[in-house]
Amino acid sequence: MNPVQKILNLFRIHSIGVGQVLPKAHLTAELQSWPPAEKAQMRNAWHTLVGEGLIAEGHPEGPTLTPKGAAALDSLSNPA
């Protein structure tokens, strides 16, 4: 699983649905557990998620899962 998929999968792990927020504490704890090589890729992965509209920034408690992000999560579970 690449870093984009791993970050997106955190929404599933924490049962975060469309329009809901992933608390920063959960995100931070997960990212700190990543190996150094993946941590180095995190910034690019984050920009990809936001840039493609899979997650939205701006909520003070953390990132929000968008409908497009939920669809991407479904495709991770059910590859075509």
PDB file of N, CA and C in Angstrom:
ATOM      1  N   MET A   1       0.855  -1.175   0.000  1.00  0.00           N
ATOM      2  CA  MET A   1       0.000   0.000   0.000  1.00  0.00           C
ATOM      3  C   MET A   1       0.902   1.240   0.000  1.00  0.00           C
ATOM      4  N   ASN A   2       0.644   2.146  -0.922  1.00  0.00           N
ATOM      5  CA  ASN A   2       1.473   3.349  -0.995  1.00  0.00           C
ATOM      6  C   ASN A   2       1.030   4.369   0.064  1.00  0.00           C
ATOM      7  N   PRO A   3       1.825   5.412   0.307  1.00  0.00           N
ATOM      8  CA  PRO A   3       1.487   6.381   1.358  1.00  0.00           C
ATOM      9  C   PRO A   3       0.131   7.058   1.165  1.00  0.00           C
ATOM     10  N   VAL A   4      -0.275   7.341  -0.064  1.00  0.00           N
ATOM     11  CA  VAL A   4      -1.597   7.937  -0.307  1.00  0.00           C
ATOM     12  C   VAL A   4      -2.676   6.982   0.184  1.00  0.00           C
ATOM     13  N   GLN A   5      -2.557   5.731  -0.181  1.00  0.00           N
ATOM     14  CA  GLN A   5      -3.538   4.732   0.228  1.00  0.00           C
ATOM     15  C   GLN A   5      -3.521   4.526   1.739  1.00  0.00           C
ATOM     16  N   LYS A   6      -2.329   4.533   2.329  1.00  0.00           N
ATOM     17  CA  LYS A   6      -2.226   4.333   3.775  1.00  0.00           C
ATOM     18  C   LYS A   6      -2.902   5.459   4.546  1.00  0.00           C
ATOM     19  N   ILE A   7      -2.703   6.699   4.109  1.00  0.00           N
ATOM     20  CA  ILE A   7      -3.355   7.821   4.784  1.00  0.00           C
ATOM     21  C   ILE A   7      -4.865   7.720   4.600  1.00  0.00           C
ATOM     22  N   LEU A   8      -5.305   7.461   3.400  1.00  0.00           N
ATOM     23  CA  LEU A   8      -6.729   7.343   3.125  1.00  0.00           C
ATOM     24  C   LEU A   8      -7.343   6.205   3.939  1.00  0.00           C
ATOM     25  N   ASN A   9      -6.625   5.116   4.071  1.00  0.00           N
ATOM     26  CA  ASN A   9      -7.125   3.966   4.823  1.00  0.00           C
ATOM     27  C   ASN A   9      -7.335   4.279   6.305  1.00  0.00           C
ATOM     28  N   LEU A  10      -6.673   5.296   6.820  1.00  0.00           N
ATOM     29  CA  LEU A  10      -6.873   5.680   8.222  1.00  0.00           C
ATOM     30  C   LEU A  10      -8.334   6.068   8.478  1.00  0.00           C
ATOM     31  N   PHE A  11      -8.982   6.633   7.475  1.00  0.00           N
ATOM     32  CA  PHE A  11     -10.391   6.979   7.642  1.00  0.00           C
ATOM     33  C   PHE A  11     -11.221   5.719   7.866  1.00  0.00           C
ATOM     34  N   ARG A  12     -10.881   4.644   7.155  1.00  0.00           N
ATOM     35  CA  ARG A  12     -11.602   3.374   7.334  1.00  0.00           C
ATOM     36  C   ARG A  12     -11.293   2.774   8.703  1.00  0.00           C
ATOM     37  N   ILE A  13     -10.025   2.744   9.055  1.00  0.00           N
ATOM     38  CA  ILE A  13      -9.609   2.150  10.323  1.00  0.00           C
ATOM     39  C   ILE A  13     -10.326   2.800  11.498  1.00  0.00           C
ATOM     40  N   HIS A  14     -10.536   4.110  11.410  1.00  0.00           N
ATOM     41  CA  HIS A  14     -11.167   4.850  12.507  1.00  0.00           C
ATOM     42  C   HIS A  14     -12.660   5.097  12.263  1.00  0.00           C
ATOM     43  N   SER A  15     -13.235   4.375  11.289  1.00  0.00           N
ATOM     44  CA  SER A  15     -14.673   4.453  10.980  1.00  0.00           C
ATOM     45  C   SER A  15     -15.150   5.879  10.718  1.00  0.00           C
ATOM     46  N   ILE A  16     -14.373   6.600   9.916  1.00  0.00           N
ATOM     47  CA  ILE A  16     -14.705   7.976   9.557  1.00  0.00           C
ATOM     48  C   ILE A  16     -15.430   7.940   8.210  1.00  0.00           C
ATOM     49  N   GLY A  17     -16.634   8.482   8.170  1.00  0.00           N
ATOM     50  CA  GLY A  17     -17.427   8.492   6.949  1.00  0.00           C
ATOM     51  C   GLY A  17     -17.325   9.816   6.208  1.00  0.00           C
ATOM     52  N   VAL A  18     -18.037   9.904   5.103  1.00  0.00           N
ATOM     53  CA  VAL A  18     -18.064  11.115   4.282  1.00  0.00           C
ATOM     54  C   VAL A  18     -18.502  12.306   5.132  1.00  0.00           C
ATOM     55  N   GLY A  19     -17.742  13.377   5.026  1.00  0.00           N
ATOM     56  CA  GLY A  19     -18.055  14.599   5.757  1.00  0.00           C
ATOM     57  C   GLY A  19     -17.597  14.601   7.206  1.00  0.00           C
ATOM     58  N   GLN A  20     -17.035  13.495   7.648  1.00  0.00           N
ATOM     59  CA  GLN A  20     -16.544  13.420   9.021  1.00  0.00           C
ATOM     60  C   GLN A  20     -15.048  13.699   9.063  1.00  0.00           C
ATOM     61  N   VAL A  21     -14.589  14.035  10.244  1.00  0.00           N
ATOM     62  CA  VAL A  21     -13.206  14.467  10.446  1.00  0.00           C
ATOM     63  C   VAL A  21     -12.381  13.364  11.094  1.00  0.00           C
ATOM     64  N   LEU A  22     -11.168  13.165  10.586  1.00  0.00           N
ATOM     65  CA  LEU A  22     -10.189  12.276  11.209  1.00  0.00           C
ATOM     66  C   LEU A  22      -9.412  13.112  12.217  1.00  0.00           C
ATOM     67  N   PRO A  23      -9.546  12.827  13.507  1.00  0.00           N
ATOM     68  CA  PRO A  23      -8.834  13.632  14.500  1.00  0.00           C
ATOM     69  C   PRO A  23      -7.325  13.645  14.257  1.00  0.00           C
ATOM     70  N   LYS A  24      -6.742  14.822  14.428  1.00  0.00           N
ATOM     71  CA  LYS A  24      -5.307  14.984  14.207  1.00  0.00           C
ATOM     72  C   LYS A  24      -4.494  14.023  15.060  1.00  0.00           C
ATOM     73  N   ALA A  25      -4.971  13.708  16.266  1.00  0.00           N
ATOM     74  CA  ALA A  25      -4.234  12.797  17.145  1.00  0.00           C
ATOM     75  C   ALA A  25      -4.087  11.414  16.510  1.00  0.00           C
ATOM     76  N   HIS A  26      -5.144  10.922  15.855  1.00  0.00           N
ATOM     77  CA  HIS A  26      -5.074   9.612  15.193  1.00  0.00           C
ATOM     78  C   HIS A  26      -4.099   9.669  14.017  1.00  0.00           C
ATOM     79  N   LEU A  27      -4.182  10.743  13.261  1.00  0.00           N
ATOM     80  CA  LEU A  27      -3.306  10.913  12.102  1.00  0.00           C
ATOM     81  C   LEU A  27      -1.847  10.993  12.541  1.00  0.00           C
ATOM     82  N   THR A  28      -1.576  11.808  13.523  1.00  0.00           N
ATOM     83  CA  THR A  28      -0.208  11.991  14.009  1.00  0.00           C
ATOM     84  C   THR A  28       0.374  10.690  14.560  1.00  0.00           C
ATOM     85  N   ALA A  29      -0.401   9.977  15.347  1.00  0.00           N
ATOM     86  CA  ALA A  29       0.076   8.710  15.924  1.00  0.00           C
ATOM     87  C   ALA A  29       0.448   7.721  14.831  1.00  0.00           C
ATOM     88  N   GLU A  30      -0.380   7.637  13.801  1.00  0.00           N
ATOM     89  CA  GLU A  30      -0.095   6.717  12.702  1.00  0.00           C
ATOM     90  C   GLU A  30       1.160   7.136  11.946  1.00  0.00           C
ATOM     91  N   LEU A  31       1.248   8.407  11.603  1.00  0.00           N
ATOM     92  CA  LEU A  31       2.394   8.876  10.825  1.00  0.00           C
ATOM     93  C   LEU A  31       3.702   8.702  11.578  1.00  0.00           C
ATOM     94  N   GLN A  32       3.681   8.839  12.893  1.00  0.00           N
ATOM     95  CA  GLN A  32       4.896   8.657  13.680  1.00  0.00           C
ATOM     96  C   GLN A  32       5.368   7.214  13.667  1.00  0.00           C
ATOM     97  N   SER A  33       4.455   6.282  13.392  1.00  0.00           N
ATOM     98  CA  SER A  33       4.838   4.866  13.381  1.00  0.00           C
ATOM     99  C   SER A  33       5.406   4.424  12.029  1.00  0.00           C
ATOM    100  N   TRP A  34       5.317   5.293  11.035  1.00  0.00           N
ATOM    101  CA  TRP A  34       5.803   4.934   9.698  1.00  0.00           C
ATOM    102  C   TRP A  34       7.322   4.844   9.662  1.00  0.00           C
ATOM    103  N   PRO A  35       7.860   3.963   8.812  1.00  0.00           N
ATOM    104  CA  PRO A  35       9.314   3.914   8.617  1.00  0.00           C
ATOM    105  C   PRO A  35       9.790   5.234   7.989  1.00  0.00           C
ATOM    106  N   PRO A  36      11.045   5.599   8.193  1.00  0.00           N
ATOM    107  CA  PRO A  36      11.570   6.870   7.673  1.00  0.00           C
ATOM    108  C   PRO A  36      11.334   7.083   6.174  1.00  0.00           C
ATOM    109  N   ALA A  37      11.454   6.046   5.376  1.00  0.00           N
ATOM    110  CA  ALA A  37      11.259   6.209   3.923  1.00  0.00           C
ATOM    111  C   ALA A  37       9.833   6.634   3.596  1.00  0.00           C
ATOM    112  N   GLU A  38       8.855   6.102   4.321  1.00  0.00           N
ATOM    113  CA  GLU A  38       7.465   6.482   4.088  1.00  0.00           C
ATOM    114  C   GLU A  38       7.184   7.879   4.645  1.00  0.00           C
ATOM    115  N   LYS A  39       7.791   8.208   5.757  1.00  0.00           N
ATOM    116  CA  LYS A  39       7.616   9.558   6.305  1.00  0.00           C
ATOM    117  C   LYS A  39       8.089  10.603   5.295  1.00  0.00           C
ATOM    118  N   ALA A  40       9.150  10.285   4.587  1.00  0.00           N
ATOM    119  CA  ALA A  40       9.690  11.215   3.593  1.00  0.00           C
ATOM    120  C   ALA A  40       8.704  11.438   2.449  1.00  0.00           C
ATOM    121  N   GLN A  41       7.849  10.476   2.183  1.00  0.00           N
ATOM    122  CA  GLN A  41       6.873  10.570   1.104  1.00  0.00           C
ATOM    123  C   GLN A  41       5.541  11.168   1.564  1.00  0.00           C
ATOM    124  N   MET A  42       5.388  11.381   2.855  1.00  0.00           N
ATOM    125  CA  MET A  42       4.114  11.813   3.413  1.00  0.00           C
ATOM    126  C   MET A  42       3.649  13.151   2.857  1.00  0.00           C
ATOM    127  N   ARG A  43       4.522  14.118   2.725  1.00  0.00           N
ATOM    128  CA  ARG A  43       4.125  15.438   2.253  1.00  0.00           C
ATOM    129  C   ARG A  43       3.537  15.358   0.840  1.00  0.00           C
ATOM    130  N   ASN A  44       4.203  14.620  -0.045  1.00  0.00           N
ATOM    131  CA  ASN A  44       3.681  14.457  -1.401  1.00  0.00           C
ATOM    132  C   ASN A  44       2.346  13.722  -1.399  1.00  0.00           C
ATOM    133  N   ALA A  45       2.230  12.713  -0.551  1.00  0.00           N
ATOM    134  CA  ALA A  45       0.973  11.962  -0.460  1.00  0.00           C
ATOM    135  C   ALA A  45      -0.156  12.879   0.008  1.00  0.00           C
ATOM    136  N   TRP A  46       0.137  13.717   0.985  1.00  0.00           N
ATOM    137  CA  TRP A  46      -0.866  14.633   1.516  1.00  0.00           C
ATOM    138  C   TRP A  46      -1.339  15.597   0.429  1.00  0.00           C
ATOM    139  N   HIS A  47      -0.392  16.152  -0.308  1.00  0.00           N
ATOM    140  CA  HIS A  47      -0.748  17.085  -1.387  1.00  0.00           C
ATOM    141  C   HIS A  47      -1.574  16.387  -2.469  1.00  0.00           C
ATOM    142  N   THR A  48      -1.278  15.138  -2.726  1.00  0.00           N
ATOM    143  CA  THR A  48      -2.066  14.367  -3.692  1.00  0.00           C
ATOM    144  C   THR A  48      -3.497  14.199  -3.196  1.00  0.00           C
ATOM    145  N   LEU A  49      -3.658  13.815  -1.939  1.00  0.00           N
ATOM    146  CA  LEU A  49      -4.996  13.610  -1.379  1.00  0.00           C
ATOM    147  C   LEU A  49      -5.830  14.889  -1.423  1.00  0.00           C
ATOM    148  N   VAL A  50      -5.233  15.994  -1.046  1.00  0.00           N
ATOM    149  CA  VAL A  50      -5.949  17.273  -1.046  1.00  0.00           C
ATOM    150  C   VAL A  50      -6.165  17.751  -2.481  1.00  0.00           C
ATOM    151  N   GLY A  51      -5.131  17.686  -3.294  1.00  0.00           N
ATOM    152  CA  GLY A  51      -5.202  18.170  -4.665  1.00  0.00           C
ATOM    153  C   GLY A  51      -6.216  17.426  -5.518  1.00  0.00           C
ATOM    154  N   GLU A  52      -6.383  16.142  -5.259  1.00  0.00           N
ATOM    155  CA  GLU A  52      -7.346  15.350  -6.023  1.00  0.00           C
ATOM    156  C   GLU A  52      -8.731  15.353  -5.385  1.00  0.00           C
ATOM    157  N   GLY A  53      -8.869  16.082  -4.279  1.00  0.00           N
ATOM    158  CA  GLY A  53     -10.182  16.217  -3.647  1.00  0.00           C
ATOM    159  C   GLY A  53     -10.633  14.998  -2.864  1.00  0.00           C
ATOM    160  N   LEU A  54      -9.691  14.167  -2.416  1.00  0.00           N
ATOM    161  CA  LEU A  54     -10.042  12.977  -1.646  1.00  0.00           C
ATOM    162  C   LEU A  54     -10.264  13.304  -0.174  1.00  0.00           C
ATOM    163  N   ILE A  55      -9.544  14.300   0.300  1.00  0.00           N
ATOM    164  CA  ILE A  55      -9.761  14.816   1.649  1.00  0.00           C
ATOM    165  C   ILE A  55      -9.781  16.340   1.561  1.00  0.00           C
ATOM    166  N   ALA A  56     -10.393  16.953   2.558  1.00  0.00           N
ATOM    167  CA  ALA A  56     -10.452  18.415   2.609  1.00  0.00           C
ATOM    168  C   ALA A  56      -9.783  18.883   3.895  1.00  0.00           C
ATOM    169  N   GLU A  57      -9.034  19.950   3.769  1.00  0.00           N
ATOM    170  CA  GLU A  57      -8.407  20.566   4.930  1.00  0.00           C
ATOM    171  C   GLU A  57      -9.286  21.728   5.390  1.00  0.00           C
ATOM    172  N   GLY A  58      -8.975  22.269   6.540  1.00  0.00           N
ATOM    173  CA  GLY A  58      -9.659  23.459   7.007  1.00  0.00           C
ATOM    174  C   GLY A  58     -10.427  23.273   8.296  1.00  0.00           C
ATOM    175  N   HIS A  59     -10.803  22.046   8.619  1.00  0.00           N
ATOM    176  CA  HIS A  59     -11.485  21.812   9.889  1.00  0.00           C
ATOM    177  C   HIS A  59     -10.437  21.847  10.993  1.00  0.00           C
ATOM    178  N   PRO A  60     -10.712  22.550  12.088  1.00  0.00           N
ATOM    179  CA  PRO A  60      -9.695  22.665  13.145  1.00  0.00           C
ATOM    180  C   PRO A  60      -9.315  21.338  13.809  1.00  0.00           C
ATOM    181  N   GLU A  61     -10.180  20.333  13.710  1.00  0.00           N
ATOM    182  CA  GLU A  61      -9.885  19.061  14.380  1.00  0.00           C
ATOM    183  C   GLU A  61      -9.123  18.076  13.496  1.00  0.00           C
ATOM    184  N   GLY A  62      -9.081  18.339  12.180  1.00  0.00           N
ATOM    185  CA  GLY A  62      -8.359  17.438  11.296  1.00  0.00           C
ATOM    186  C   GLY A  62      -8.957  17.399   9.908  1.00  0.00           C
ATOM    187  N   PRO A  63      -8.425  16.516   9.040  1.00  0.00           N
ATOM    188  CA  PRO A  63      -8.908  16.421   7.657  1.00  0.00           C
ATOM    189  C   PRO A  63     -10.286  15.760   7.582  1.00  0.00           C
ATOM    190  N   THR A  64     -11.030  16.141   6.553  1.00  0.00           N
ATOM    191  CA  THR A  64     -12.388  15.638   6.332  1.00  0.00           C
ATOM    192  C   THR A  64     -12.408  14.733   5.103  1.00  0.00           C
ATOM    193  N   LEU A  65     -13.088  13.612   5.217  1.00  0.00           N
ATOM    194  CA  LEU A  65     -13.223  12.696   4.089  1.00  0.00           C
ATOM    195  C   LEU A  65     -14.299  13.224   3.142  1.00  0.00           C
ATOM    196  N   THR A  66     -13.958  13.330   1.874  1.00  0.00           N
ATOM    197  CA  THR A  66     -14.897  13.807   0.861  1.00  0.00           C
ATOM    198  C   THR A  66     -15.606  12.615   0.199  1.00  0.00           C
ATOM    199  N   PRO A  67     -16.693  12.875  -0.535  1.00  0.00           N
ATOM    200  CA  PRO A  67     -17.327  11.775  -1.268  1.00  0.00           C
ATOM    201  C   PRO A  67     -16.353  11.092  -2.243  1.00  0.00           C
ATOM    202  N   LYS A  68     -15.507  11.866  -2.875  1.00  0.00           N
ATOM    203  CA  LYS A  68     -14.513  11.303  -3.792  1.00  0.00           C
ATOM    204  C   LYS A  68     -13.522  10.421  -3.029  1.00  0.00           C
ATOM    205  N   GLY A  69     -13.156  10.837  -1.820  1.00  0.00           N
ATOM    206  CA  GLY A  69     -12.263  10.035  -0.985  1.00  0.00           C
ATOM    207  C   GLY A  69     -12.910   8.732  -0.558  1.00  0.00           C
ATOM    208  N   ALA A  70     -14.205   8.788  -0.235  1.00  0.00           N
ATOM    209  CA  ALA A  70     -14.928   7.570   0.145  1.00  0.00           C
ATOM    210  C   ALA A  70     -14.984   6.602  -1.035  1.00  0.00           C
ATOM    211  N   ALA A  71     -15.189   7.124  -2.235  1.00  0.00           N
ATOM    212  CA  ALA A  71     -15.206   6.269  -3.427  1.00  0.00           C
ATOM    213  C   ALA A  71     -13.837   5.628  -3.640  1.00  0.00           C
ATOM    214  N   ALA A  72     -12.780   6.389  -3.400  1.00  0.00           N
ATOM    215  CA  ALA A  72     -11.424   5.844  -3.527  1.00  0.00           C
ATOM    216  C   ALA A  72     -11.191   4.742  -2.498  1.00  0.00           C
ATOM    217  N   LEU A  73     -11.709   4.924  -1.291  1.00  0.00           N
ATOM    218  CA  LEU A  73     -11.599   3.885  -0.263  1.00  0.00           C
ATOM    219  C   LEU A  73     -12.326   2.615  -0.696  1.00  0.00           C
ATOM    220  N   ASP A  74     -13.498   2.792  -1.280  1.00  0.00           N
ATOM    221  CA  ASP A  74     -14.242   1.630  -1.769  1.00  0.00           C
ATOM    222  C   ASP A  74     -13.448   0.887  -2.830  1.00  0.00           C
ATOM    223  N   SER A  75     -12.767   1.630  -3.686  1.00  0.00           N
ATOM    224  CA  SER A  75     -11.987   0.967  -4.742  1.00  0.00           C
ATOM    225  C   SER A  75     -10.769   0.254  -4.169  1.00  0.00           C
ATOM    226  N   LEU A  76     -10.260   0.708  -3.019  1.00  0.00           N
ATOM    227  CA  LEU A  76      -9.157  -0.011  -2.367  1.00  0.00           C
ATOM    228  C   LEU A  76      -9.646  -1.356  -1.864  1.00  0.00           C
ATOM    229  N   SER A  77     -10.884  -1.385  -1.374  1.00  0.00           N
ATOM    230  CA  SER A  77     -11.458  -2.620  -0.836  1.00  0.00           C
ATOM    231  C   SER A  77     -11.888  -3.564  -1.935  1.00  0.00           C
ATOM    232  N   ASN A  78     -12.383  -2.987  -3.030  1.00  0.00           N
ATOM    233  CA  ASN A  78     -12.944  -3.764  -4.121  1.00  0.00           C
ATOM    234  C   ASN A  78     -12.256  -3.431  -5.434  1.00  0.00           C
ATOM    235  N   PRO A  79     -10.992  -3.835  -5.601  1.00  0.00           N
ATOM    236  CA  PRO A  79     -10.307  -3.497  -6.845  1.00  0.00           C
ATOM    237  C   PRO A  79     -11.032  -4.108  -8.042  1.00  0.00           C
ATOM    238  N   ALA A  80     -11.061  -3.329  -9.112  1.00  0.00           N
ATOM    239  CA  ALA A  80     -11.771  -3.781 -10.316  1.00  0.00           C
ATOM    240  C   ALA A  80     -11.017  -4.880 -11.038  1.00  0.00           C
TER     241      ALA A  80
END
